[in-house]
Amino acid sequence: MSHQPEPLSTKLQRGNLMAAACPSREVLRSMTSQWGVLVLMSLQQGTHRFSELRRRIGGVSERMLSETLKRLERHGLILRVAYPVVPPQTEYSLTPLGVEAARHVAGMADWIEVNLPEILQHRPQQA
């Protein structure tokens, strides 16, 4: 009885984050980017319009927020609803998958906040 190697397509569907060609890496990159984490955490508080998100997330440019929202929407983590009014109004909210993802990244952010004093002690002292 010979053992057939698992086809590459099967391996890629399952995902292997350590493999360069793993499709999971794009999702990981989007979710754990600086702006991805902050968008997911902001939307945990409820539905927000683009301008509200931009005000909530200090330092994000309009372009970067727009790109981040598009990536998260493409991964099925956020829902974008555009209303046919003038001026245009668009609202963003978490999908059920996004609620779960936001819970995980918020846990990571909470860990960082709790451990920040110790983390900062490891930085080289400024001259």
N, C-alpha and C. Protein backbone atom coordinates (compact mmCIF):
# COMPACT_ATOMS: atom_id res chain seq x y z
N MET A 1 0.85 -1.17 0.00
CA MET A 1 0.00 0.00 0.00
C MET A 1 0.89 1.24 0.00
N SER A 2 0.85 2.00 -1.09
CA SER A 2 1.70 3.19 -1.19
C SER A 2 0.98 4.41 -0.63
N HIS A 3 1.77 5.28 -0.10
CA HIS A 3 1.22 6.51 0.47
C HIS A 3 1.39 7.63 -0.55
N GLN A 4 0.27 8.19 -0.99
CA GLN A 4 0.31 9.29 -1.95
C GLN A 4 0.51 10.60 -1.21
N PRO A 5 1.45 11.43 -1.69
CA PRO A 5 1.62 12.73 -1.04
C PRO A 5 0.37 13.59 -1.21
N GLU A 6 0.12 14.40 -0.23
CA GLU A 6 -1.04 15.29 -0.27
C GLU A 6 -0.83 16.33 -1.36
N PRO A 7 -1.81 16.53 -2.25
CA PRO A 7 -1.65 17.53 -3.31
C PRO A 7 -1.47 18.93 -2.73
N LEU A 8 -0.69 19.74 -3.43
CA LEU A 8 -0.43 21.11 -2.99
C LEU A 8 -1.73 21.89 -2.82
N SER A 9 -2.68 21.69 -3.73
CA SER A 9 -3.95 22.43 -3.64
C SER A 9 -4.67 22.13 -2.33
N THR A 10 -4.59 20.90 -1.87
CA THR A 10 -5.21 20.54 -0.59
C THR A 10 -4.49 21.22 0.56
N LYS A 11 -3.16 21.21 0.51
CA LYS A 11 -2.38 21.87 1.56
C LYS A 11 -2.69 23.36 1.62
N LEU A 12 -2.79 23.99 0.45
CA LEU A 12 -3.06 25.43 0.42
C LEU A 12 -4.45 25.76 0.93
N GLN A 13 -5.42 24.89 0.66
CA GLN A 13 -6.78 25.13 1.15
C GLN A 13 -6.82 25.07 2.67
N ARG A 14 -6.07 24.14 3.23
CA ARG A 14 -6.05 23.98 4.69
C ARG A 14 -5.31 25.12 5.34
N GLY A 15 -4.23 25.55 4.73
CA GLY A 15 -3.44 26.65 5.26
C GLY A 15 -2.26 26.17 6.09
N ASN A 16 -1.17 26.85 5.94
CA ASN A 16 0.04 26.61 6.71
C ASN A 16 0.76 27.94 6.79
N LEU A 17 0.54 28.66 7.86
CA LEU A 17 1.07 30.02 7.98
C LEU A 17 2.57 30.12 7.77
N MET A 18 3.29 29.06 8.00
CA MET A 18 4.74 29.10 7.84
C MET A 18 5.16 28.98 6.38
N ALA A 19 4.25 28.54 5.51
CA ALA A 19 4.56 28.40 4.08
C ALA A 19 4.38 29.75 3.38
N ALA A 20 5.35 30.09 2.53
CA ALA A 20 5.32 31.39 1.84
C ALA A 20 4.04 31.58 1.02
N ALA A 21 3.51 30.51 0.46
CA ALA A 21 2.34 30.63 -0.42
C ALA A 21 1.01 30.45 0.31
N CYS A 22 1.02 30.42 1.62
CA CYS A 22 -0.21 30.18 2.37
C CYS A 22 -1.19 31.35 2.22
N PRO A 23 -2.43 31.07 1.80
CA PRO A 23 -3.41 32.14 1.64
C PRO A 23 -3.82 32.77 2.97
N SER A 24 -3.57 32.09 4.07
CA SER A 24 -3.90 32.65 5.38
C SER A 24 -3.08 33.88 5.71
N ARG A 25 -1.90 33.98 5.11
CA ARG A 25 -1.02 35.11 5.42
C ARG A 25 -1.63 36.45 5.07
N GLU A 26 -2.36 36.52 3.96
CA GLU A 26 -2.99 37.79 3.58
C GLU A 26 -4.02 38.22 4.62
N VAL A 27 -4.79 37.26 5.10
CA VAL A 27 -5.79 37.56 6.13
C VAL A 27 -5.10 37.98 7.42
N LEU A 28 -4.06 37.24 7.80
CA LEU A 28 -3.30 37.57 9.00
C LEU A 28 -2.73 38.98 8.91
N ARG A 29 -2.17 39.31 7.76
CA ARG A 29 -1.58 40.64 7.55
C ARG A 29 -2.65 41.73 7.68
N SER A 30 -3.83 41.50 7.12
CA SER A 30 -4.91 42.50 7.19
C SER A 30 -5.44 42.67 8.61
N MET A 31 -5.65 41.55 9.29
CA MET A 31 -6.22 41.60 10.64
C MET A 31 -5.26 42.18 11.67
N THR A 32 -3.98 41.88 11.53
CA THR A 32 -3.03 42.28 12.56
C THR A 32 -2.22 43.51 12.21
N SER A 33 -2.56 44.16 11.10
CA SER A 33 -1.90 45.42 10.79
C SER A 33 -2.33 46.44 11.85
N GLN A 34 -1.54 47.48 11.99
CA GLN A 34 -1.88 48.53 12.97
C GLN A 34 -3.31 49.01 12.78
N TRP A 35 -3.67 49.32 11.55
CA TRP A 35 -5.00 49.88 11.29
C TRP A 35 -6.07 48.81 11.32
N GLY A 36 -5.76 47.59 10.89
CA GLY A 36 -6.73 46.50 10.93
C GLY A 36 -7.20 46.22 12.34
N VAL A 37 -6.25 46.15 13.27
CA VAL A 37 -6.59 45.91 14.68
C VAL A 37 -7.48 47.03 15.21
N LEU A 38 -7.11 48.27 14.92
CA LEU A 38 -7.87 49.41 15.46
C LEU A 38 -9.26 49.52 14.83
N VAL A 39 -9.39 49.20 13.55
CA VAL A 39 -10.72 49.20 12.91
C VAL A 39 -11.59 48.13 13.53
N LEU A 40 -11.07 46.91 13.66
CA LEU A 40 -11.86 45.83 14.24
C LEU A 40 -12.29 46.17 15.66
N MET A 41 -11.38 46.73 16.44
CA MET A 41 -11.72 47.09 17.82
C MET A 41 -12.75 48.22 17.87
N SER A 42 -12.63 49.19 16.97
CA SER A 42 -13.60 50.30 16.93
C SER A 42 -14.99 49.80 16.58
N LEU A 43 -15.06 48.86 15.64
CA LEU A 43 -16.36 48.36 15.21
C LEU A 43 -16.99 47.41 16.24
N GLN A 44 -16.22 46.98 17.24
CA GLN A 44 -16.81 46.21 18.34
C GLN A 44 -17.83 47.06 19.08
N GLN A 45 -17.66 48.37 19.04
CA GLN A 45 -18.57 49.28 19.74
C GLN A 45 -19.87 49.50 18.98
N GLY A 46 -19.94 49.00 17.73
CA GLY A 46 -21.15 49.15 16.93
C GLY A 46 -20.85 49.68 15.54
N THR A 47 -21.90 49.94 14.80
CA THR A 47 -21.80 50.43 13.43
C THR A 47 -21.30 51.87 13.42
N HIS A 48 -20.40 52.16 12.47
CA HIS A 48 -19.86 53.51 12.35
C HIS A 48 -19.76 53.92 10.89
N ARG A 49 -19.91 55.20 10.67
CA ARG A 49 -19.67 55.77 9.35
C ARG A 49 -18.17 55.99 9.20
N PHE A 50 -17.73 56.17 7.94
CA PHE A 50 -16.32 56.36 7.64
C PHE A 50 -15.74 57.50 8.47
N SER A 51 -16.43 58.63 8.48
CA SER A 51 -15.91 59.81 9.19
C SER A 51 -15.81 59.55 10.70
N GLU A 52 -16.74 58.78 11.25
CA GLU A 52 -16.68 58.44 12.67
C GLU A 52 -15.46 57.57 12.97
N LEU A 53 -15.23 56.59 12.10
CA LEU A 53 -14.06 55.73 12.28
C LEU A 53 -12.77 56.54 12.21
N ARG A 54 -12.72 57.46 11.28
CA ARG A 54 -11.51 58.27 11.11
C ARG A 54 -11.26 59.12 12.36
N ARG A 55 -12.31 59.65 12.95
CA ARG A 55 -12.15 60.43 14.19
C ARG A 55 -11.74 59.54 15.36
N ARG A 56 -12.30 58.35 15.44
CA ARG A 56 -12.00 57.43 16.55
C ARG A 56 -10.56 56.93 16.51
N ILE A 57 -10.04 56.72 15.30
CA ILE A 57 -8.72 56.11 15.14
C ILE A 57 -7.71 57.20 14.84
N GLY A 58 -7.11 57.74 15.86
CA GLY A 58 -6.16 58.84 15.71
C GLY A 58 -4.98 58.47 14.82
N GLY A 59 -4.64 59.37 13.90
CA GLY A 59 -3.46 59.20 13.07
C GLY A 59 -3.67 58.46 11.76
N VAL A 60 -4.83 57.87 11.54
CA VAL A 60 -5.04 57.14 10.28
C VAL A 60 -5.41 58.12 9.18
N SER A 61 -4.79 57.96 8.02
CA SER A 61 -5.13 58.81 6.88
C SER A 61 -6.40 58.28 6.22
N GLU A 62 -7.06 59.14 5.47
CA GLU A 62 -8.27 58.74 4.76
C GLU A 62 -7.97 57.57 3.83
N ARG A 63 -6.87 57.66 3.12
CA ARG A 63 -6.48 56.61 2.15
C ARG A 63 -6.23 55.28 2.86
N MET A 64 -5.49 55.31 3.96
CA MET A 64 -5.17 54.08 4.67
C MET A 64 -6.41 53.45 5.30
N LEU A 65 -7.30 54.28 5.83
CA LEU A 65 -8.54 53.76 6.40
C LEU A 65 -9.38 53.10 5.31
N SER A 66 -9.48 53.75 4.16
CA SER A 66 -10.24 53.21 3.05
C SER A 66 -9.68 51.86 2.60
N GLU A 67 -8.36 51.77 2.46
CA GLU A 67 -7.72 50.51 2.05
C GLU A 67 -7.94 49.42 3.08
N THR A 68 -7.82 49.77 4.34
CA THR A 68 -8.00 48.79 5.42
C THR A 68 -9.43 48.26 5.43
N LEU A 69 -10.40 49.16 5.29
CA LEU A 69 -11.81 48.74 5.26
C LEU A 69 -12.08 47.82 4.08
N LYS A 70 -11.52 48.14 2.92
CA LYS A 70 -11.72 47.29 1.73
C LYS A 70 -11.14 45.90 1.95
N ARG A 71 -9.94 45.82 2.53
CA ARG A 71 -9.31 44.51 2.78
C ARG A 71 -10.14 43.69 3.77
N LEU A 72 -10.57 44.32 4.84
CA LEU A 72 -11.35 43.60 5.85
C LEU A 72 -12.71 43.16 5.29
N GLU A 73 -13.28 43.98 4.42
CA GLU A 73 -14.54 43.60 3.77
C GLU A 73 -14.31 42.42 2.83
N ARG A 74 -13.21 42.44 2.08
CA ARG A 74 -12.89 41.36 1.15
C ARG A 74 -12.72 40.02 1.89
N HIS A 75 -12.25 40.07 3.12
CA HIS A 75 -12.06 38.85 3.91
C HIS A 75 -13.34 38.45 4.66
N GLY A 76 -14.41 39.22 4.50
CA GLY A 76 -15.67 38.87 5.13
C GLY A 76 -15.76 39.25 6.60
N LEU A 77 -14.89 40.17 7.04
CA LEU A 77 -14.88 40.55 8.45
C LEU A 77 -15.76 41.76 8.75
N ILE A 78 -15.98 42.60 7.75
CA ILE A 78 -16.86 43.76 7.96
C ILE A 78 -17.88 43.84 6.84
N LEU A 79 -18.99 44.46 7.17
CA LEU A 79 -20.07 44.69 6.22
C LEU A 79 -20.11 46.17 5.90
N ARG A 80 -20.15 46.49 4.63
CA ARG A 80 -20.22 47.88 4.17
C ARG A 80 -21.61 48.10 3.58
N VAL A 81 -22.32 49.10 4.08
CA VAL A 81 -23.65 49.44 3.55
C VAL A 81 -23.60 50.89 3.09
N ALA A 82 -23.84 51.09 1.78
CA ALA A 82 -23.85 52.44 1.20
C ALA A 82 -25.30 52.85 0.96
N TYR A 83 -25.64 54.04 1.42
CA TYR A 83 -26.99 54.56 1.25
C TYR A 83 -27.01 55.54 0.09
N PRO A 84 -28.04 55.45 -0.77
CA PRO A 84 -28.11 56.31 -1.96
C PRO A 84 -28.64 57.71 -1.62
N VAL A 85 -27.85 58.45 -0.88
CA VAL A 85 -28.23 59.81 -0.50
C VAL A 85 -27.11 60.76 -0.90
N VAL A 86 -27.44 62.06 -0.89
CA VAL A 86 -26.44 63.08 -1.19
C VAL A 86 -26.28 63.94 0.05
N PRO A 87 -25.08 64.07 0.60
CA PRO A 87 -23.85 63.39 0.17
C PRO A 87 -23.91 61.90 0.52
N PRO A 88 -23.07 61.10 -0.15
CA PRO A 88 -23.08 59.65 0.08
C PRO A 88 -22.84 59.32 1.56
N GLN A 89 -23.52 58.32 2.03
CA GLN A 89 -23.36 57.87 3.42
C GLN A 89 -23.09 56.37 3.40
N THR A 90 -22.02 55.97 4.05
CA THR A 90 -21.63 54.57 4.12
C THR A 90 -21.40 54.19 5.57
N GLU A 91 -21.93 53.03 5.94
CA GLU A 91 -21.76 52.54 7.31
C GLU A 91 -21.03 51.21 7.29
N TYR A 92 -20.25 50.99 8.33
CA TYR A 92 -19.46 49.77 8.46
C TYR A 92 -19.81 49.10 9.78
N SER A 93 -19.91 47.77 9.74
CA SER A 93 -20.16 47.00 10.95
C SER A 93 -19.45 45.66 10.82
N LEU A 94 -19.32 44.97 11.93
CA LEU A 94 -18.68 43.65 11.93
C LEU A 94 -19.67 42.59 11.49
N THR A 95 -19.20 41.64 10.70
CA THR A 95 -19.97 40.45 10.39
C THR A 95 -19.80 39.49 11.57
N PRO A 96 -20.55 38.39 11.61
CA PRO A 96 -20.32 37.42 12.69
C PRO A 96 -18.86 36.94 12.73
N LEU A 97 -18.26 36.73 11.58
CA LEU A 97 -16.85 36.35 11.52
C LEU A 97 -15.97 37.47 12.05
N GLY A 98 -16.33 38.70 11.73
CA GLY A 98 -15.59 39.86 12.22
C GLY A 98 -15.69 40.04 13.72
N VAL A 99 -16.86 39.71 14.29
CA VAL A 99 -17.03 39.78 15.75
C VAL A 99 -16.03 38.85 16.43
N GLU A 100 -15.91 37.64 15.88
CA GLU A 100 -14.97 36.67 16.45
C GLU A 100 -13.52 37.14 16.26
N ALA A 101 -13.20 37.65 15.07
CA ALA A 101 -11.84 38.14 14.81
C ALA A 101 -11.51 39.31 15.73
N ALA A 102 -12.45 40.22 15.90
CA ALA A 102 -12.22 41.40 16.75
C ALA A 102 -11.96 40.99 18.19
N ARG A 103 -12.64 39.96 18.64
CA ARG A 103 -12.43 39.47 20.00
C ARG A 103 -10.98 39.00 20.18
N HIS A 104 -10.46 38.33 19.17
CA HIS A 104 -9.08 37.83 19.25
C HIS A 104 -8.06 38.97 19.21
N VAL A 105 -8.22 39.91 18.29
CA VAL A 105 -7.23 41.00 18.21
C VAL A 105 -7.35 41.92 19.42
N ALA A 106 -8.55 42.07 19.96
CA ALA A 106 -8.71 42.87 21.18
C ALA A 106 -7.99 42.21 22.35
N GLY A 107 -8.01 40.89 22.39
CA GLY A 107 -7.27 40.17 23.43
C GLY A 107 -5.78 40.43 23.33
N MET A 108 -5.27 40.46 22.10
CA MET A 108 -3.85 40.77 21.90
C MET A 108 -3.56 42.20 22.33
N ALA A 109 -4.42 43.13 21.95
CA ALA A 109 -4.23 44.54 22.33
C ALA A 109 -4.30 44.71 23.85
N ASP A 110 -5.21 44.00 24.49
CA ASP A 110 -5.30 44.05 25.96
C ASP A 110 -4.01 43.55 26.60
N TRP A 111 -3.47 42.46 26.07
CA TRP A 111 -2.22 41.91 26.59
C TRP A 111 -1.10 42.95 26.47
N ILE A 112 -1.05 43.63 25.33
CA ILE A 112 -0.02 44.66 25.13
C ILE A 112 -0.17 45.77 26.16
N GLU A 113 -1.39 46.25 26.36
CA GLU A 113 -1.63 47.32 27.32
C GLU A 113 -1.23 46.91 28.74
N VAL A 114 -1.58 45.71 29.14
CA VAL A 114 -1.25 45.22 30.48
C VAL A 114 0.27 45.11 30.66
N ASN A 115 0.95 44.65 29.61
CA ASN A 115 2.39 44.40 29.71
C ASN A 115 3.26 45.54 29.19
N LEU A 116 2.65 46.65 28.81
CA LEU A 116 3.41 47.76 28.23
C LEU A 116 4.54 48.27 29.13
N PRO A 117 4.33 48.43 30.44
CA PRO A 117 5.45 48.90 31.26
C PRO A 117 6.68 48.00 31.15
N GLU A 118 6.47 46.70 31.19
CA GLU A 118 7.60 45.77 31.08
C GLU A 118 8.20 45.80 29.67
N ILE A 119 7.35 45.89 28.67
CA ILE A 119 7.82 45.95 27.28
C ILE A 119 8.70 47.18 27.09
N LEU A 120 8.26 48.32 27.63
CA LEU A 120 9.02 49.57 27.47
C LEU A 120 10.36 49.52 28.19
N GLN A 121 10.47 48.72 29.24
CA GLN A 121 11.75 48.59 29.95
C GLN A 121 12.83 47.96 29.08
N HIS A 122 12.43 47.24 28.06
CA HIS A 122 13.39 46.56 27.19
C HIS A 122 13.89 47.45 26.05
N ARG A 123 13.32 48.60 25.91
CA ARG A 123 13.77 49.53 24.87
C ARG A 123 15.07 50.18 25.30
N PRO A 124 15.97 50.42 24.33
CA PRO A 124 17.21 51.12 24.69
C PRO A 124 16.90 52.53 25.19
N GLN A 125 17.66 52.98 26.16
CA GLN A 125 17.48 54.32 26.72
C GLN A 125 17.91 55.37 25.70
N GLN A 126 17.14 56.44 25.60
CA GLN A 126 17.48 57.56 24.71
C GLN A 126 18.60 58.37 25.34
N ALA A 127 19.56 58.79 24.51
CA ALA A 127 20.69 59.58 25.04
C ALA A 127 20.30 61.02 25.24
